[in-house]
Amino acid sequence: MTPEQAIAAREQLLIPDRTHKDARGKKPKSPVALYPNDLTGREVEVLRLVAQGLTDAQVADALVVSPRTVNAHLRTIYSKLNITSRHAATYFALEHGLV
């Protein structure tokens, strides 16, 4: 399996199962969480790029947003993960298979 195929396969695992039912056969009231710690899809995109060693400017270019937007996403990510550094964010991403 190529790295691209492995990433695509992992992405498929992150898609919520809309047919999931609880023990009583009913659909759950809240949607199935896609990412850990209530991270949004965009926050995970930013986190993945940061974990790859990109600067804020490079992340901004890759996602076609401003560096200030990247910085805002990072502040939110740090808050949700209760961390204070890019190193800690990278460690979290690696530990949770987000990279």
N, C-alpha and C. Protein backbone atom coordinates (compact mmCIF):
# COMPACT_ATOMS: atom_id res chain seq x y z
N MET A 1 0.86 -1.18 0.00
CA MET A 1 0.00 0.00 0.00
C MET A 1 0.90 1.23 0.00
N THR A 2 0.62 2.17 -0.88
CA THR A 2 1.39 3.40 -0.93
C THR A 2 0.99 4.32 0.22
N PRO A 3 1.83 5.30 0.57
CA PRO A 3 1.44 6.24 1.62
C PRO A 3 0.13 6.95 1.31
N GLU A 4 -0.07 7.28 0.03
CA GLU A 4 -1.32 7.95 -0.36
C GLU A 4 -2.53 7.05 -0.14
N GLN A 5 -2.37 5.76 -0.45
CA GLN A 5 -3.46 4.82 -0.24
C GLN A 5 -3.74 4.65 1.26
N ALA A 6 -2.68 4.61 2.06
CA ALA A 6 -2.86 4.48 3.51
C ALA A 6 -3.60 5.68 4.08
N ILE A 7 -3.24 6.87 3.60
CA ILE A 7 -3.93 8.08 4.07
C ILE A 7 -5.39 8.06 3.65
N ALA A 8 -5.65 7.66 2.40
CA ALA A 8 -7.04 7.59 1.92
C ALA A 8 -7.84 6.58 2.73
N ALA A 9 -7.23 5.45 3.04
CA ALA A 9 -7.92 4.42 3.82
C ALA A 9 -8.23 4.94 5.23
N ARG A 10 -7.26 5.66 5.83
CA ARG A 10 -7.49 6.20 7.16
C ARG A 10 -8.58 7.26 7.13
N GLU A 11 -8.61 8.07 6.07
CA GLU A 11 -9.65 9.09 5.93
C GLU A 11 -11.03 8.44 5.90
N GLN A 12 -11.14 7.31 5.24
CA GLN A 12 -12.42 6.60 5.17
C GLN A 12 -12.90 6.20 6.56
N LEU A 13 -11.96 5.89 7.45
CA LEU A 13 -12.32 5.50 8.81
C LEU A 13 -12.87 6.67 9.61
N LEU A 14 -12.53 7.89 9.20
CA LEU A 14 -12.97 9.07 9.93
C LEU A 14 -14.35 9.55 9.52
N ILE A 15 -14.92 8.98 8.47
CA ILE A 15 -16.26 9.36 8.02
C ILE A 15 -17.28 8.78 8.99
N PRO A 16 -18.20 9.60 9.49
CA PRO A 16 -19.16 9.09 10.48
C PRO A 16 -20.08 8.04 9.87
N ASP A 17 -20.42 7.08 10.69
CA ASP A 17 -21.33 6.02 10.28
C ASP A 17 -22.75 6.48 10.56
N ARG A 18 -23.45 6.93 9.56
CA ARG A 18 -24.80 7.47 9.76
C ARG A 18 -25.83 6.37 10.00
N THR A 19 -25.45 5.12 9.81
CA THR A 19 -26.38 4.03 10.05
C THR A 19 -26.17 3.42 11.43
N HIS A 20 -25.22 3.97 12.21
CA HIS A 20 -24.92 3.45 13.54
C HIS A 20 -26.17 3.52 14.43
N LYS A 21 -26.41 2.47 15.15
CA LYS A 21 -27.55 2.44 16.07
C LYS A 21 -27.06 1.99 17.43
N ASP A 22 -27.75 2.44 18.48
CA ASP A 22 -27.35 2.03 19.82
C ASP A 22 -27.91 0.64 20.12
N ALA A 23 -27.74 0.19 21.36
CA ALA A 23 -28.14 -1.17 21.75
C ALA A 23 -29.64 -1.41 21.57
N ARG A 24 -30.44 -0.34 21.61
CA ARG A 24 -31.90 -0.48 21.46
C ARG A 24 -32.33 -0.38 20.01
N GLY A 25 -31.36 -0.23 19.10
CA GLY A 25 -31.69 -0.15 17.69
C GLY A 25 -32.06 1.24 17.22
N LYS A 26 -31.81 2.25 18.06
CA LYS A 26 -32.14 3.63 17.69
C LYS A 26 -30.86 4.37 17.31
N LYS A 27 -31.03 5.35 16.43
CA LYS A 27 -29.89 6.18 16.06
C LYS A 27 -29.52 7.06 17.25
N PRO A 28 -28.23 7.31 17.45
CA PRO A 28 -27.83 8.18 18.56
C PRO A 28 -28.32 9.61 18.33
N LYS A 29 -28.56 10.35 19.44
CA LYS A 29 -29.06 11.71 19.33
C LYS A 29 -27.99 12.66 18.82
N SER A 30 -26.74 12.46 19.23
CA SER A 30 -25.67 13.34 18.77
C SER A 30 -24.86 12.64 17.68
N PRO A 31 -24.29 13.42 16.77
CA PRO A 31 -23.49 12.80 15.70
C PRO A 31 -22.24 12.14 16.27
N VAL A 32 -21.76 11.14 15.57
CA VAL A 32 -20.56 10.44 15.97
C VAL A 32 -19.38 11.41 15.79
N ALA A 33 -18.54 11.50 16.82
CA ALA A 33 -17.40 12.41 16.76
C ALA A 33 -16.42 11.95 15.68
N LEU A 34 -15.99 12.88 14.84
CA LEU A 34 -15.05 12.56 13.78
C LEU A 34 -13.62 12.61 14.27
N TYR A 35 -13.29 13.58 15.10
CA TYR A 35 -11.92 13.80 15.53
C TYR A 35 -11.85 13.91 17.04
N PRO A 36 -10.67 13.65 17.60
CA PRO A 36 -10.52 13.72 19.06
C PRO A 36 -10.64 15.15 19.58
N ASN A 37 -11.03 15.26 20.84
CA ASN A 37 -11.09 16.53 21.55
C ASN A 37 -11.95 17.59 20.87
N ASP A 38 -12.97 17.16 20.16
CA ASP A 38 -13.91 18.08 19.49
C ASP A 38 -13.23 18.99 18.46
N LEU A 39 -12.13 18.54 17.87
CA LEU A 39 -11.50 19.32 16.81
C LEU A 39 -12.38 19.28 15.57
N THR A 40 -12.43 20.39 14.87
CA THR A 40 -13.18 20.44 13.62
C THR A 40 -12.30 19.90 12.49
N GLY A 41 -12.89 19.66 11.37
CA GLY A 41 -12.14 19.18 10.22
C GLY A 41 -11.06 20.17 9.80
N ARG A 42 -11.36 21.46 9.83
CA ARG A 42 -10.38 22.48 9.44
C ARG A 42 -9.25 22.55 10.45
N GLU A 43 -9.58 22.42 11.73
CA GLU A 43 -8.54 22.41 12.76
C GLU A 43 -7.61 21.22 12.58
N VAL A 44 -8.16 20.08 12.20
CA VAL A 44 -7.33 18.90 11.96
C VAL A 44 -6.44 19.13 10.73
N GLU A 45 -6.97 19.78 9.71
CA GLU A 45 -6.15 20.11 8.54
C GLU A 45 -4.96 20.98 8.95
N VAL A 46 -5.22 22.00 9.74
CA VAL A 46 -4.16 22.88 10.22
C VAL A 46 -3.17 22.09 11.07
N LEU A 47 -3.68 21.28 11.97
CA LEU A 47 -2.83 20.49 12.85
C LEU A 47 -1.94 19.54 12.06
N ARG A 48 -2.48 18.90 11.05
CA ARG A 48 -1.69 17.99 10.22
C ARG A 48 -0.54 18.72 9.54
N LEU A 49 -0.81 19.89 9.01
CA LEU A 49 0.23 20.65 8.32
C LEU A 49 1.28 21.17 9.29
N VAL A 50 0.85 21.62 10.45
CA VAL A 50 1.79 22.07 11.47
C VAL A 50 2.66 20.90 11.92
N ALA A 51 2.06 19.75 12.09
CA ALA A 51 2.81 18.56 12.50
C ALA A 51 3.82 18.12 11.45
N GLN A 52 3.61 18.53 10.21
CA GLN A 52 4.56 18.22 9.14
C GLN A 52 5.70 19.24 9.10
N GLY A 53 5.65 20.23 10.00
CA GLY A 53 6.73 21.19 10.10
C GLY A 53 6.53 22.47 9.32
N LEU A 54 5.34 22.70 8.78
CA LEU A 54 5.09 23.91 8.02
C LEU A 54 4.94 25.12 8.94
N THR A 55 5.35 26.27 8.45
CA THR A 55 5.15 27.52 9.19
C THR A 55 3.70 27.97 9.02
N ASP A 56 3.32 28.98 9.79
CA ASP A 56 1.97 29.53 9.64
C ASP A 56 1.73 30.02 8.21
N ALA A 57 2.73 30.68 7.65
CA ALA A 57 2.59 31.21 6.28
C ALA A 57 2.43 30.07 5.27
N GLN A 58 3.17 29.00 5.46
CA GLN A 58 3.07 27.86 4.54
C GLN A 58 1.72 27.17 4.69
N VAL A 59 1.24 27.04 5.92
CA VAL A 59 -0.09 26.45 6.15
C VAL A 59 -1.15 27.33 5.49
N ALA A 60 -1.01 28.64 5.65
CA ALA A 60 -1.96 29.58 5.04
C ALA A 60 -1.99 29.42 3.53
N ASP A 61 -0.81 29.31 2.92
CA ASP A 61 -0.76 29.12 1.47
C ASP A 61 -1.41 27.80 1.06
N ALA A 62 -1.14 26.75 1.81
CA ALA A 62 -1.68 25.43 1.47
C ALA A 62 -3.21 25.39 1.58
N LEU A 63 -3.75 26.11 2.56
CA LEU A 63 -5.19 26.08 2.80
C LEU A 63 -5.92 27.28 2.18
N VAL A 64 -5.18 28.16 1.54
CA VAL A 64 -5.73 29.36 0.90
C VAL A 64 -6.52 30.19 1.92
N VAL A 65 -5.84 30.48 3.02
CA VAL A 65 -6.38 31.37 4.05
C VAL A 65 -5.26 32.32 4.46
N SER A 66 -5.56 33.27 5.31
CA SER A 66 -4.52 34.20 5.76
C SER A 66 -3.73 33.59 6.93
N PRO A 67 -2.52 34.06 7.15
CA PRO A 67 -1.76 33.60 8.31
C PRO A 67 -2.47 33.90 9.63
N ARG A 68 -3.22 34.99 9.67
CA ARG A 68 -3.99 35.30 10.89
C ARG A 68 -5.06 34.24 11.15
N THR A 69 -5.67 33.72 10.09
CA THR A 69 -6.66 32.66 10.25
C THR A 69 -6.00 31.40 10.77
N VAL A 70 -4.83 31.08 10.25
CA VAL A 70 -4.08 29.92 10.75
C VAL A 70 -3.78 30.11 12.22
N ASN A 71 -3.32 31.30 12.60
CA ASN A 71 -3.01 31.57 13.99
C ASN A 71 -4.24 31.43 14.88
N ALA A 72 -5.39 31.88 14.39
CA ALA A 72 -6.64 31.73 15.15
C ALA A 72 -6.99 30.26 15.33
N HIS A 73 -6.83 29.47 14.26
CA HIS A 73 -7.08 28.03 14.38
C HIS A 73 -6.14 27.40 15.39
N LEU A 74 -4.87 27.80 15.36
CA LEU A 74 -3.90 27.24 16.30
C LEU A 74 -4.25 27.59 17.75
N ARG A 75 -4.70 28.81 17.99
CA ARG A 75 -5.11 29.19 19.35
C ARG A 75 -6.26 28.30 19.82
N THR A 76 -7.21 28.05 18.93
CA THR A 76 -8.34 27.19 19.29
C THR A 76 -7.88 25.75 19.53
N ILE A 77 -7.00 25.26 18.67
CA ILE A 77 -6.46 23.91 18.81
C ILE A 77 -5.74 23.78 20.15
N TYR A 78 -4.86 24.74 20.44
CA TYR A 78 -4.12 24.71 21.70
C TYR A 78 -5.08 24.70 22.90
N SER A 79 -6.12 25.50 22.81
CA SER A 79 -7.10 25.56 23.89
C SER A 79 -7.82 24.23 24.06
N LYS A 80 -8.28 23.65 22.96
CA LYS A 80 -9.01 22.39 23.03
C LYS A 80 -8.14 21.25 23.53
N LEU A 81 -6.86 21.29 23.19
CA LEU A 81 -5.95 20.22 23.58
C LEU A 81 -5.23 20.52 24.89
N ASN A 82 -5.45 21.72 25.42
CA ASN A 82 -4.81 22.16 26.66
C ASN A 82 -3.29 22.07 26.55
N ILE A 83 -2.75 22.63 25.47
CA ILE A 83 -1.32 22.65 25.22
C ILE A 83 -0.89 24.07 24.89
N THR A 84 0.44 24.28 24.80
CA THR A 84 0.92 25.64 24.56
C THR A 84 1.99 25.74 23.48
N SER A 85 2.26 24.65 22.76
CA SER A 85 3.35 24.73 21.78
C SER A 85 3.07 23.89 20.54
N ARG A 86 3.79 24.22 19.46
CA ARG A 86 3.71 23.45 18.22
C ARG A 86 4.22 22.03 18.46
N HIS A 87 5.24 21.93 19.30
CA HIS A 87 5.80 20.61 19.61
C HIS A 87 4.73 19.72 20.24
N ALA A 88 4.01 20.24 21.21
CA ALA A 88 2.94 19.48 21.85
C ALA A 88 1.83 19.14 20.86
N ALA A 89 1.53 20.07 19.97
CA ALA A 89 0.50 19.82 18.95
C ALA A 89 0.94 18.71 18.02
N THR A 90 2.21 18.73 17.62
CA THR A 90 2.75 17.69 16.76
C THR A 90 2.70 16.33 17.46
N TYR A 91 3.07 16.31 18.71
CA TYR A 91 3.04 15.07 19.50
C TYR A 91 1.61 14.52 19.56
N PHE A 92 0.63 15.41 19.82
CA PHE A 92 -0.77 14.99 19.85
C PHE A 92 -1.20 14.41 18.53
N ALA A 93 -0.84 15.08 17.43
CA ALA A 93 -1.22 14.60 16.10
C ALA A 93 -0.64 13.22 15.82
N LEU A 94 0.61 13.03 16.19
CA LEU A 94 1.25 11.72 15.97
C LEU A 94 0.59 10.64 16.82
N GLU A 95 0.35 10.95 18.09
CA GLU A 95 -0.26 9.98 19.00
C GLU A 95 -1.66 9.57 18.58
N HIS A 96 -2.38 10.46 17.92
CA HIS A 96 -3.76 10.18 17.52
C HIS A 96 -3.90 9.83 16.04
N GLY A 97 -2.79 9.56 15.39
CA GLY A 97 -2.85 9.13 13.99
C GLY A 97 -3.38 10.16 13.03
N LEU A 98 -3.16 11.43 13.32
CA LEU A 98 -3.67 12.49 12.46
C LEU A 98 -2.65 12.91 11.41
N VAL A 99 -1.47 12.36 11.49
CA VAL A 99 -0.42 12.69 10.50
C VAL A 99 -0.12 11.48 9.67
